[in-house]
Amino acid sequence: MKTILSQQSVKVPKGVEVRVHRRIIHVKGPRGSLTKNLRHIRLDIEKVGKNEIVVKKWFGSRKELACVRTVCSHIQNMIKGVQLGFRYKMRSVYAHFPINVNTQSNNTVLEIRNFLGEKYIRHVKMARGVTCSLSAKMKDELILEGNDIERVSQSAALIQQSVKVKNKDIRKFLDGIYVSEKTTVDEE
């Protein structure tokens, strides 16, 4: 059974400019600008007035109707990113061998040494627009910051996957670098 019309709207706050052209969304705010291409999803995305975006799906199946809410969430995350930014905090966890972490090339590459006592040096490149820094307040803490939530979380996932324990019992060997907190750069 197909639903005739499913629609949802997103409010655009003051200080943020959103342009929609052929399902390509441009969001500009105080922290910068983001662009997202949603041409692969067959939806009607239009700007109504100055501060509202409406996403519609006519005669959609159940999976196509789920895309309406997904696209609205993407737009809200872009608006939040250009307003406040996203910050992920990660902590190094180790039992015996301390994990040494350093940033290189303008805080865009992370160098991980001495994981489980291994001599191999791991290099993790951050996604475009994401910066990585070591926390001054807390020992063994990394801070990832950026405007795009997908790129910040992808960089955090790459760091976590690079220090995955292999060929050992993961219930006993809990060493690694894990996400400890997800917040915004600017407080709301």
N, C-alpha and C. Protein backbone atom coordinates (compact mmCIF):
# COMPACT_ATOMS: atom_id res chain seq x y z
N MET A 1 0.84 -1.18 0.00
CA MET A 1 0.00 0.00 0.00
C MET A 1 0.88 1.24 0.00
N LYS A 2 0.50 2.21 -0.80
CA LYS A 2 1.29 3.43 -0.91
C LYS A 2 0.55 4.58 -0.25
N THR A 3 1.30 5.39 0.49
CA THR A 3 0.76 6.58 1.11
C THR A 3 0.74 7.69 0.06
N ILE A 4 -0.32 8.45 0.03
CA ILE A 4 -0.45 9.49 -0.99
C ILE A 4 0.61 10.57 -0.81
N LEU A 5 0.71 11.13 0.39
CA LEU A 5 1.69 12.19 0.63
C LEU A 5 2.25 12.07 2.03
N SER A 6 3.57 12.07 2.11
CA SER A 6 4.25 12.13 3.40
C SER A 6 5.18 13.34 3.34
N GLN A 7 5.09 14.20 4.35
CA GLN A 7 5.95 15.38 4.34
C GLN A 7 6.38 15.74 5.75
N GLN A 8 7.52 16.40 5.81
CA GLN A 8 8.07 16.85 7.08
C GLN A 8 8.83 18.15 6.81
N SER A 9 8.85 19.03 7.79
CA SER A 9 9.52 20.31 7.59
C SER A 9 10.65 20.50 8.59
N VAL A 10 11.60 21.34 8.21
CA VAL A 10 12.75 21.69 9.05
C VAL A 10 12.78 23.21 9.17
N LYS A 11 12.83 23.70 10.39
CA LYS A 11 12.93 25.14 10.63
C LYS A 11 14.39 25.57 10.52
N VAL A 12 14.62 26.69 9.86
CA VAL A 12 15.96 27.24 9.70
C VAL A 12 16.12 28.39 10.68
N PRO A 13 17.07 28.31 11.63
CA PRO A 13 17.23 29.38 12.62
C PRO A 13 17.87 30.63 12.01
N LYS A 14 17.82 31.73 12.75
CA LYS A 14 18.43 32.97 12.29
C LYS A 14 19.95 32.82 12.27
N GLY A 15 20.57 33.47 11.32
CA GLY A 15 22.03 33.39 11.19
C GLY A 15 22.49 32.25 10.31
N VAL A 16 21.57 31.43 9.83
CA VAL A 16 21.91 30.30 8.95
C VAL A 16 21.17 30.48 7.63
N GLU A 17 21.90 30.32 6.54
CA GLU A 17 21.30 30.45 5.21
C GLU A 17 21.31 29.08 4.53
N VAL A 18 20.14 28.65 4.05
CA VAL A 18 20.01 27.34 3.40
C VAL A 18 19.51 27.56 1.97
N ARG A 19 20.22 26.95 1.01
CA ARG A 19 19.79 26.98 -0.38
C ARG A 19 19.58 25.55 -0.85
N VAL A 20 18.49 25.34 -1.60
CA VAL A 20 18.18 24.03 -2.16
C VAL A 20 18.08 24.18 -3.67
N HIS A 21 18.87 23.41 -4.40
CA HIS A 21 18.83 23.47 -5.85
C HIS A 21 19.01 22.07 -6.40
N ARG A 22 17.96 21.50 -7.00
CA ARG A 22 18.01 20.16 -7.59
C ARG A 22 18.48 19.10 -6.60
N ARG A 23 17.93 19.12 -5.41
CA ARG A 23 18.23 18.18 -4.33
C ARG A 23 19.68 18.24 -3.86
N ILE A 24 20.35 19.36 -4.12
CA ILE A 24 21.67 19.63 -3.54
C ILE A 24 21.46 20.74 -2.53
N ILE A 25 21.85 20.48 -1.28
CA ILE A 25 21.56 21.40 -0.19
C ILE A 25 22.85 22.10 0.23
N HIS A 26 22.80 23.43 0.26
CA HIS A 26 23.93 24.25 0.70
C HIS A 26 23.50 24.95 1.99
N VAL A 27 24.28 24.77 3.05
CA VAL A 27 23.98 25.41 4.34
C VAL A 27 25.18 26.27 4.71
N LYS A 28 24.92 27.53 5.00
CA LYS A 28 25.98 28.48 5.35
C LYS A 28 25.67 29.10 6.70
N GLY A 29 26.66 29.13 7.59
CA GLY A 29 26.44 29.67 8.93
C GLY A 29 27.70 30.32 9.46
N PRO A 30 27.70 30.65 10.76
CA PRO A 30 28.84 31.36 11.33
C PRO A 30 30.14 30.55 11.35
N ARG A 31 30.06 29.22 11.38
CA ARG A 31 31.28 28.40 11.44
C ARG A 31 31.77 27.95 10.06
N GLY A 32 31.02 28.25 9.01
CA GLY A 32 31.43 27.84 7.67
C GLY A 32 30.24 27.38 6.86
N SER A 33 30.51 26.59 5.82
CA SER A 33 29.43 26.13 4.96
C SER A 33 29.58 24.64 4.68
N LEU A 34 28.44 23.98 4.46
CA LEU A 34 28.39 22.55 4.14
C LEU A 34 27.50 22.34 2.93
N THR A 35 27.83 21.33 2.14
CA THR A 35 27.04 20.98 0.97
C THR A 35 26.78 19.49 0.99
N LYS A 36 25.55 19.11 0.67
CA LYS A 36 25.20 17.68 0.63
C LYS A 36 24.39 17.41 -0.64
N ASN A 37 24.80 16.37 -1.35
CA ASN A 37 24.14 15.98 -2.58
C ASN A 37 23.17 14.84 -2.25
N LEU A 38 21.87 15.09 -2.44
CA LEU A 38 20.84 14.08 -2.19
C LEU A 38 20.11 13.72 -3.48
N ARG A 39 20.84 13.74 -4.60
CA ARG A 39 20.22 13.46 -5.90
C ARG A 39 19.80 11.99 -6.02
N HIS A 40 20.39 11.11 -5.23
CA HIS A 40 20.08 9.68 -5.33
C HIS A 40 18.74 9.32 -4.68
N ILE A 41 18.16 10.24 -3.91
CA ILE A 41 16.88 9.98 -3.25
C ILE A 41 15.80 10.75 -4.00
N ARG A 42 14.75 10.06 -4.38
CA ARG A 42 13.67 10.71 -5.15
C ARG A 42 12.66 11.33 -4.18
N LEU A 43 12.93 12.58 -3.83
CA LEU A 43 12.06 13.34 -2.94
C LEU A 43 11.90 14.75 -3.48
N ASP A 44 10.87 15.44 -3.02
CA ASP A 44 10.72 16.86 -3.31
C ASP A 44 11.24 17.63 -2.11
N ILE A 45 12.31 18.40 -2.33
CA ILE A 45 12.88 19.24 -1.27
C ILE A 45 12.74 20.68 -1.73
N GLU A 46 11.98 21.47 -0.98
CA GLU A 46 11.79 22.86 -1.39
C GLU A 46 11.82 23.79 -0.18
N LYS A 47 12.23 25.01 -0.45
CA LYS A 47 12.28 26.03 0.60
C LYS A 47 10.97 26.80 0.58
N VAL A 48 10.29 26.84 1.73
CA VAL A 48 9.02 27.55 1.84
C VAL A 48 9.27 28.76 2.73
N GLY A 49 9.17 29.93 2.17
CA GLY A 49 9.46 31.13 2.94
C GLY A 49 10.96 31.26 3.17
N LYS A 50 11.32 32.04 4.19
CA LYS A 50 12.74 32.25 4.46
C LYS A 50 13.32 31.26 5.46
N ASN A 51 12.46 30.69 6.30
CA ASN A 51 13.01 29.88 7.39
C ASN A 51 12.36 28.50 7.51
N GLU A 52 12.00 27.89 6.39
CA GLU A 52 11.43 26.55 6.47
C GLU A 52 11.75 25.77 5.20
N ILE A 53 12.13 24.52 5.38
CA ILE A 53 12.38 23.61 4.27
C ILE A 53 11.41 22.45 4.42
N VAL A 54 10.71 22.11 3.34
CA VAL A 54 9.73 21.03 3.36
C VAL A 54 10.23 19.89 2.48
N VAL A 55 10.21 18.67 3.04
CA VAL A 55 10.60 17.47 2.32
C VAL A 55 9.33 16.64 2.10
N LYS A 56 9.04 16.33 0.83
CA LYS A 56 7.80 15.61 0.50
C LYS A 56 8.11 14.35 -0.31
N LYS A 57 7.26 13.35 -0.11
CA LYS A 57 7.30 12.15 -0.94
C LYS A 57 5.87 11.78 -1.31
N TRP A 58 5.59 11.77 -2.60
CA TRP A 58 4.28 11.41 -3.10
C TRP A 58 4.25 9.93 -3.47
N PHE A 59 3.21 9.23 -3.07
CA PHE A 59 2.99 7.83 -3.43
C PHE A 59 4.23 6.96 -3.18
N GLY A 60 4.69 7.00 -1.95
CA GLY A 60 5.91 6.27 -1.62
C GLY A 60 5.63 4.96 -0.93
N SER A 61 6.52 4.01 -1.14
CA SER A 61 6.46 2.75 -0.39
C SER A 61 7.02 2.99 1.01
N ARG A 62 7.04 1.96 1.81
CA ARG A 62 7.45 2.13 3.20
C ARG A 62 8.91 2.58 3.32
N LYS A 63 9.78 2.00 2.49
CA LYS A 63 11.19 2.38 2.53
C LYS A 63 11.41 3.79 2.01
N GLU A 64 10.66 4.18 1.02
CA GLU A 64 10.81 5.53 0.48
C GLU A 64 10.31 6.58 1.48
N LEU A 65 9.27 6.24 2.26
CA LEU A 65 8.76 7.18 3.26
C LEU A 65 9.75 7.37 4.40
N ALA A 66 10.56 6.34 4.68
CA ALA A 66 11.57 6.45 5.74
C ALA A 66 12.64 7.48 5.36
N CYS A 67 12.84 7.68 4.06
CA CYS A 67 13.84 8.63 3.59
C CYS A 67 13.47 10.07 3.92
N VAL A 68 12.17 10.35 4.09
CA VAL A 68 11.74 11.71 4.39
C VAL A 68 12.34 12.17 5.71
N ARG A 69 12.20 11.34 6.74
CA ARG A 69 12.75 11.69 8.05
C ARG A 69 14.27 11.72 8.02
N THR A 70 14.89 10.80 7.25
CA THR A 70 16.35 10.74 7.16
C THR A 70 16.91 12.03 6.55
N VAL A 71 16.30 12.50 5.49
CA VAL A 71 16.76 13.73 4.83
C VAL A 71 16.59 14.92 5.77
N CYS A 72 15.49 14.98 6.51
CA CYS A 72 15.29 16.06 7.49
C CYS A 72 16.36 16.03 8.57
N SER A 73 16.73 14.83 9.02
CA SER A 73 17.79 14.71 10.02
C SER A 73 19.13 15.17 9.47
N HIS A 74 19.41 14.84 8.21
CA HIS A 74 20.66 15.30 7.58
C HIS A 74 20.71 16.83 7.55
N ILE A 75 19.60 17.44 7.17
CA ILE A 75 19.55 18.91 7.10
C ILE A 75 19.72 19.52 8.48
N GLN A 76 19.07 18.93 9.50
CA GLN A 76 19.21 19.45 10.87
C GLN A 76 20.66 19.31 11.37
N ASN A 77 21.32 18.20 11.03
CA ASN A 77 22.72 18.02 11.43
C ASN A 77 23.63 19.03 10.73
N MET A 78 23.32 19.35 9.47
CA MET A 78 24.12 20.36 8.77
C MET A 78 23.94 21.73 9.40
N ILE A 79 22.70 22.06 9.76
CA ILE A 79 22.42 23.36 10.40
C ILE A 79 23.14 23.44 11.75
N LYS A 80 23.06 22.36 12.52
CA LYS A 80 23.73 22.34 13.83
C LYS A 80 25.24 22.43 13.68
N GLY A 81 25.77 21.82 12.62
CA GLY A 81 27.21 21.84 12.38
C GLY A 81 27.74 23.22 12.05
N VAL A 82 27.02 23.98 11.20
CA VAL A 82 27.50 25.31 10.84
C VAL A 82 27.22 26.33 11.93
N GLN A 83 26.33 25.99 12.86
CA GLN A 83 26.06 26.88 13.99
C GLN A 83 27.00 26.60 15.16
N LEU A 84 27.05 25.33 15.58
CA LEU A 84 27.76 24.97 16.81
C LEU A 84 29.01 24.14 16.57
N GLY A 85 29.03 23.31 15.53
CA GLY A 85 30.16 22.40 15.29
C GLY A 85 30.02 21.16 16.16
N PHE A 86 30.78 20.13 15.80
CA PHE A 86 30.71 18.86 16.53
C PHE A 86 32.08 18.53 17.13
N ARG A 87 32.06 18.02 18.36
CA ARG A 87 33.29 17.63 19.07
C ARG A 87 33.12 16.23 19.63
N TYR A 88 34.04 15.34 19.26
CA TYR A 88 34.07 13.99 19.81
C TYR A 88 35.33 13.88 20.66
N LYS A 89 35.16 13.36 21.87
CA LYS A 89 36.31 13.13 22.75
C LYS A 89 36.57 11.63 22.81
N MET A 90 37.84 11.25 22.68
CA MET A 90 38.22 9.84 22.70
C MET A 90 39.28 9.63 23.78
N ARG A 91 39.23 8.47 24.43
CA ARG A 91 40.19 8.16 25.49
C ARG A 91 40.99 6.92 25.12
N SER A 92 42.28 6.95 25.45
CA SER A 92 43.13 5.77 25.28
C SER A 92 42.99 4.88 26.50
N VAL A 93 42.76 3.59 26.26
CA VAL A 93 42.60 2.62 27.35
C VAL A 93 43.69 1.57 27.17
N TYR A 94 44.46 1.33 28.23
CA TYR A 94 45.51 0.32 28.15
C TYR A 94 45.75 -0.26 29.53
N ALA A 95 46.19 -1.52 29.54
CA ALA A 95 46.44 -2.21 30.80
C ALA A 95 47.92 -2.12 31.18
N HIS A 96 48.81 -2.34 30.20
CA HIS A 96 50.24 -2.39 30.52
C HIS A 96 51.05 -1.44 29.65
N PHE A 97 50.96 -1.58 28.36
CA PHE A 97 51.76 -0.75 27.45
C PHE A 97 51.02 0.55 27.16
N PRO A 98 51.58 1.69 27.57
CA PRO A 98 50.89 2.97 27.32
C PRO A 98 50.88 3.32 25.84
N ILE A 99 49.71 3.68 25.33
CA ILE A 99 49.56 4.06 23.93
C ILE A 99 50.02 5.51 23.77
N ASN A 100 51.01 5.73 22.90
CA ASN A 100 51.50 7.08 22.64
C ASN A 100 50.81 7.62 21.40
N VAL A 101 50.22 8.81 21.52
CA VAL A 101 49.48 9.42 20.41
C VAL A 101 50.06 10.80 20.15
N ASN A 102 50.35 11.09 18.88
CA ASN A 102 50.84 12.41 18.47
C ASN A 102 50.09 12.86 17.23
N THR A 103 49.96 14.18 17.08
CA THR A 103 49.34 14.72 15.87
C THR A 103 50.44 15.24 14.95
N GLN A 104 50.18 15.13 13.64
CA GLN A 104 51.14 15.59 12.65
C GLN A 104 50.44 16.38 11.57
N SER A 105 51.24 17.02 10.73
CA SER A 105 50.80 17.79 9.55
C SER A 105 49.53 18.58 9.82
N ASN A 106 49.69 19.59 10.67
CA ASN A 106 48.63 20.57 10.95
C ASN A 106 47.38 19.92 11.54
N ASN A 107 47.56 18.98 12.46
CA ASN A 107 46.48 18.28 13.19
C ASN A 107 45.51 17.53 12.28
N THR A 108 45.99 17.02 11.15
CA THR A 108 45.13 16.25 10.26
C THR A 108 45.53 14.78 10.19
N VAL A 109 46.69 14.42 10.75
CA VAL A 109 47.14 13.03 10.77
C VAL A 109 47.46 12.66 12.21
N LEU A 110 47.00 11.49 12.63
CA LEU A 110 47.25 11.00 13.98
C LEU A 110 48.25 9.86 13.91
N GLU A 111 49.25 9.89 14.78
CA GLU A 111 50.27 8.84 14.82
C GLU A 111 50.12 8.08 16.14
N ILE A 112 49.93 6.77 16.05
CA ILE A 112 49.71 5.94 17.24
C ILE A 112 50.89 4.98 17.37
N ARG A 113 51.56 5.01 18.53
CA ARG A 113 52.72 4.17 18.78
C ARG A 113 52.50 3.30 20.02
N ASN A 114 53.22 2.19 20.09
CA ASN A 114 53.31 1.34 21.27
C ASN A 114 51.96 0.71 21.65
N PHE A 115 51.09 0.43 20.69
CA PHE A 115 49.84 -0.25 20.99
C PHE A 115 50.15 -1.72 21.25
N LEU A 116 49.83 -2.21 22.44
CA LEU A 116 50.15 -3.56 22.92
C LEU A 116 51.64 -3.87 22.80
N GLY A 117 52.48 -2.83 22.88
CA GLY A 117 53.92 -3.02 22.82
C GLY A 117 54.45 -3.26 21.42
N GLU A 118 53.61 -3.09 20.40
CA GLU A 118 54.05 -3.33 19.02
C GLU A 118 54.96 -2.20 18.54
N LYS A 119 55.90 -2.55 17.67
CA LYS A 119 56.79 -1.54 17.10
C LYS A 119 56.15 -0.81 15.92
N TYR A 120 55.09 -1.39 15.37
CA TYR A 120 54.43 -0.82 14.20
C TYR A 120 53.80 0.52 14.55
N ILE A 121 54.03 1.53 13.70
CA ILE A 121 53.48 2.87 13.92
C ILE A 121 52.25 3.02 13.01
N ARG A 122 51.12 3.34 13.62
CA ARG A 122 49.88 3.50 12.87
C ARG A 122 49.66 4.98 12.56
N HIS A 123 49.28 5.27 11.31
CA HIS A 123 48.97 6.63 10.89
C HIS A 123 47.51 6.67 10.47
N VAL A 124 46.73 7.54 11.06
CA VAL A 124 45.32 7.68 10.73
C VAL A 124 45.10 9.10 10.21
N LYS A 125 44.62 9.19 8.96
CA LYS A 125 44.36 10.49 8.35
C LYS A 125 42.92 10.90 8.64
N MET A 126 42.74 12.12 9.11
CA MET A 126 41.41 12.63 9.42
C MET A 126 40.69 12.98 8.12
N ALA A 127 39.37 12.94 8.15
CA ALA A 127 38.57 13.34 6.99
C ALA A 127 38.71 14.85 6.78
N ARG A 128 38.38 15.32 5.58
CA ARG A 128 38.52 16.73 5.24
C ARG A 128 37.65 17.58 6.17
N GLY A 129 38.24 18.62 6.75
CA GLY A 129 37.49 19.51 7.63
C GLY A 129 37.49 19.09 9.09
N VAL A 130 38.19 18.00 9.43
CA VAL A 130 38.24 17.52 10.81
C VAL A 130 39.65 17.74 11.36
N THR A 131 39.73 18.34 12.55
CA THR A 131 41.02 18.52 13.20
C THR A 131 41.08 17.66 14.45
N CYS A 132 42.26 17.17 14.73
CA CYS A 132 42.48 16.30 15.89
C CYS A 132 43.51 16.96 16.78
N SER A 133 43.25 17.01 18.07
CA SER A 133 44.20 17.60 19.01
C SER A 133 44.23 16.79 20.30
N LEU A 134 45.31 16.93 21.02
CA LEU A 134 45.45 16.26 22.31
C LEU A 134 44.91 17.18 23.39
N SER A 135 44.19 16.64 24.34
CA SER A 135 43.59 17.43 25.41
C SER A 135 44.67 17.91 26.37
N ALA A 136 44.59 19.18 26.75
CA ALA A 136 45.53 19.73 27.71
C ALA A 136 45.09 19.43 29.14
N LYS A 137 43.77 19.23 29.34
CA LYS A 137 43.24 19.03 30.69
C LYS A 137 43.37 17.59 31.17
N MET A 138 43.17 16.63 30.26
CA MET A 138 43.11 15.24 30.67
C MET A 138 44.14 14.40 29.93
N LYS A 139 44.76 13.49 30.67
CA LYS A 139 45.76 12.61 30.09
C LYS A 139 45.09 11.58 29.18
N ASP A 140 45.75 11.20 28.11
CA ASP A 140 45.29 10.16 27.17
C ASP A 140 43.92 10.49 26.56
N GLU A 141 43.67 11.77 26.26
CA GLU A 141 42.40 12.13 25.64
C GLU A 141 42.66 12.85 24.32
N LEU A 142 41.89 12.47 23.30
CA LEU A 142 41.93 13.10 21.98
C LEU A 142 40.66 13.90 21.78
N ILE A 143 40.75 14.99 21.04
CA ILE A 143 39.57 15.79 20.74
C ILE A 143 39.49 15.95 19.23
N LEU A 144 38.38 15.48 18.64
CA LEU A 144 38.13 15.64 17.21
C LEU A 144 37.06 16.71 17.04
N GLU A 145 37.31 17.68 16.15
CA GLU A 145 36.36 18.77 15.94
C GLU A 145 36.15 19.01 14.46
N GLY A 146 34.92 19.36 14.11
CA GLY A 146 34.59 19.68 12.73
C GLY A 146 33.15 20.11 12.61
N ASN A 147 32.76 20.52 11.39
CA ASN A 147 31.40 20.98 11.16
C ASN A 147 30.48 19.87 10.68
N ASP A 148 31.03 18.87 9.99
CA ASP A 148 30.23 17.79 9.42
C ASP A 148 30.25 16.60 10.37
N ILE A 149 29.08 16.21 10.89
CA ILE A 149 29.01 15.12 11.87
C ILE A 149 29.44 13.80 11.25
N GLU A 150 29.18 13.62 9.96
CA GLU A 150 29.56 12.36 9.32
C GLU A 150 31.07 12.22 9.23
N ARG A 151 31.75 13.31 8.91
CA ARG A 151 33.21 13.26 8.80
C ARG A 151 33.88 13.12 10.16
N VAL A 152 33.33 13.80 11.18
CA VAL A 152 33.91 13.69 12.53
C VAL A 152 33.74 12.27 13.06
N SER A 153 32.55 11.70 12.90
CA SER A 153 32.32 10.35 13.41
C SER A 153 33.08 9.31 12.59
N GLN A 154 33.27 9.54 11.28
CA GLN A 154 34.05 8.61 10.46
C GLN A 154 35.51 8.63 10.88
N SER A 155 36.04 9.80 11.21
CA SER A 155 37.43 9.89 11.68
C SER A 155 37.59 9.18 13.01
N ALA A 156 36.61 9.33 13.91
CA ALA A 156 36.65 8.62 15.19
C ALA A 156 36.61 7.12 14.98
N ALA A 157 35.80 6.66 14.02
CA ALA A 157 35.71 5.24 13.73
C ALA A 157 37.02 4.70 13.16
N LEU A 158 37.69 5.48 12.31
CA LEU A 158 38.98 5.06 11.75
C LEU A 158 40.04 4.92 12.83
N ILE A 159 40.02 5.84 13.80
CA ILE A 159 40.98 5.75 14.92
C ILE A 159 40.71 4.51 15.74
N GLN A 160 39.43 4.27 16.07
CA GLN A 160 39.08 3.11 16.88
C GLN A 160 39.42 1.80 16.18
N GLN A 161 39.17 1.73 14.86
CA GLN A 161 39.44 0.51 14.12
C GLN A 161 40.93 0.27 13.92
N SER A 162 41.74 1.34 13.94
CA SER A 162 43.17 1.16 13.71
C SER A 162 43.85 0.47 14.89
N VAL A 163 43.26 0.56 16.08
CA VAL A 163 43.85 -0.08 17.27
C VAL A 163 42.97 -1.22 17.75
N LYS A 164 42.54 -2.04 16.81
CA LYS A 164 41.70 -3.19 17.13
C LYS A 164 42.60 -4.36 17.54
N VAL A 165 42.26 -5.04 18.61
CA VAL A 165 43.05 -6.18 19.09
C VAL A 165 42.74 -7.40 18.24
N LYS A 166 43.82 -8.02 17.71
CA LYS A 166 43.62 -9.18 16.85
C LYS A 166 44.32 -10.39 17.46
N ASN A 167 43.75 -11.57 17.23
CA ASN A 167 44.31 -12.86 17.66
C ASN A 167 44.47 -12.97 19.18
N LYS A 168 43.65 -12.25 19.91
CA LYS A 168 43.67 -12.34 21.37
C LYS A 168 42.22 -12.29 21.86
N ASP A 169 42.02 -12.66 23.10
CA ASP A 169 40.69 -12.65 23.69
C ASP A 169 40.29 -11.20 23.99
N ILE A 170 39.29 -10.69 23.27
CA ILE A 170 38.93 -9.27 23.42
C ILE A 170 38.21 -9.00 24.74
N ARG A 171 37.81 -10.05 25.46
CA ARG A 171 37.23 -9.83 26.79
C ARG A 171 38.33 -9.50 27.79
N LYS A 172 39.53 -9.98 27.54
CA LYS A 172 40.66 -9.74 28.43
C LYS A 172 41.49 -8.53 27.97
N PHE A 173 41.74 -8.44 26.67
CA PHE A 173 42.54 -7.34 26.12
C PHE A 173 41.60 -6.23 25.67
N LEU A 174 41.36 -5.28 26.56
CA LEU A 174 40.44 -4.18 26.30
C LEU A 174 41.15 -2.92 25.81
N ASP A 175 42.43 -3.06 25.45
CA ASP A 175 43.21 -1.91 25.02
C ASP A 175 42.62 -1.33 23.74
N GLY A 176 42.72 -0.01 23.61
CA GLY A 176 42.24 0.66 22.41
C GLY A 176 41.98 2.12 22.67
N ILE A 177 41.43 2.79 21.67
CA ILE A 177 41.03 4.20 21.78
C ILE A 177 39.54 4.25 21.48
N TYR A 178 38.75 4.71 22.46
CA TYR A 178 37.30 4.65 22.37
C TYR A 178 36.69 6.04 22.51
N VAL A 179 35.52 6.25 21.89
CA VAL A 179 34.80 7.52 22.02
C VAL A 179 34.20 7.60 23.41
N SER A 180 34.49 8.69 24.11
CA SER A 180 33.99 8.83 25.48
C SER A 180 32.88 9.88 25.59
N GLU A 181 32.87 10.85 24.67
CA GLU A 181 31.87 11.92 24.78
C GLU A 181 31.61 12.52 23.40
N LYS A 182 30.34 12.86 23.14
CA LYS A 182 29.95 13.52 21.89
C LYS A 182 29.22 14.80 22.27
N THR A 183 29.82 15.94 21.90
CA THR A 183 29.22 17.24 22.24
C THR A 183 29.36 18.19 21.05
N THR A 184 29.03 19.45 21.28
CA THR A 184 29.23 20.49 20.28
C THR A 184 30.42 21.34 20.68
N VAL A 185 31.02 22.02 19.70
CA VAL A 185 32.18 22.86 19.97
C VAL A 185 31.73 24.09 20.75
N ASP A 186 30.74 24.79 20.24
CA ASP A 186 30.16 25.95 20.93
C ASP A 186 29.00 25.48 21.77
N GLU A 187 28.92 25.94 23.00
CA GLU A 187 27.82 25.52 23.87
C GLU A 187 26.53 26.20 23.42
N GLU A 188 25.43 25.46 23.51
CA GLU A 188 24.13 25.97 23.07
C GLU A 188 23.60 27.04 24.00
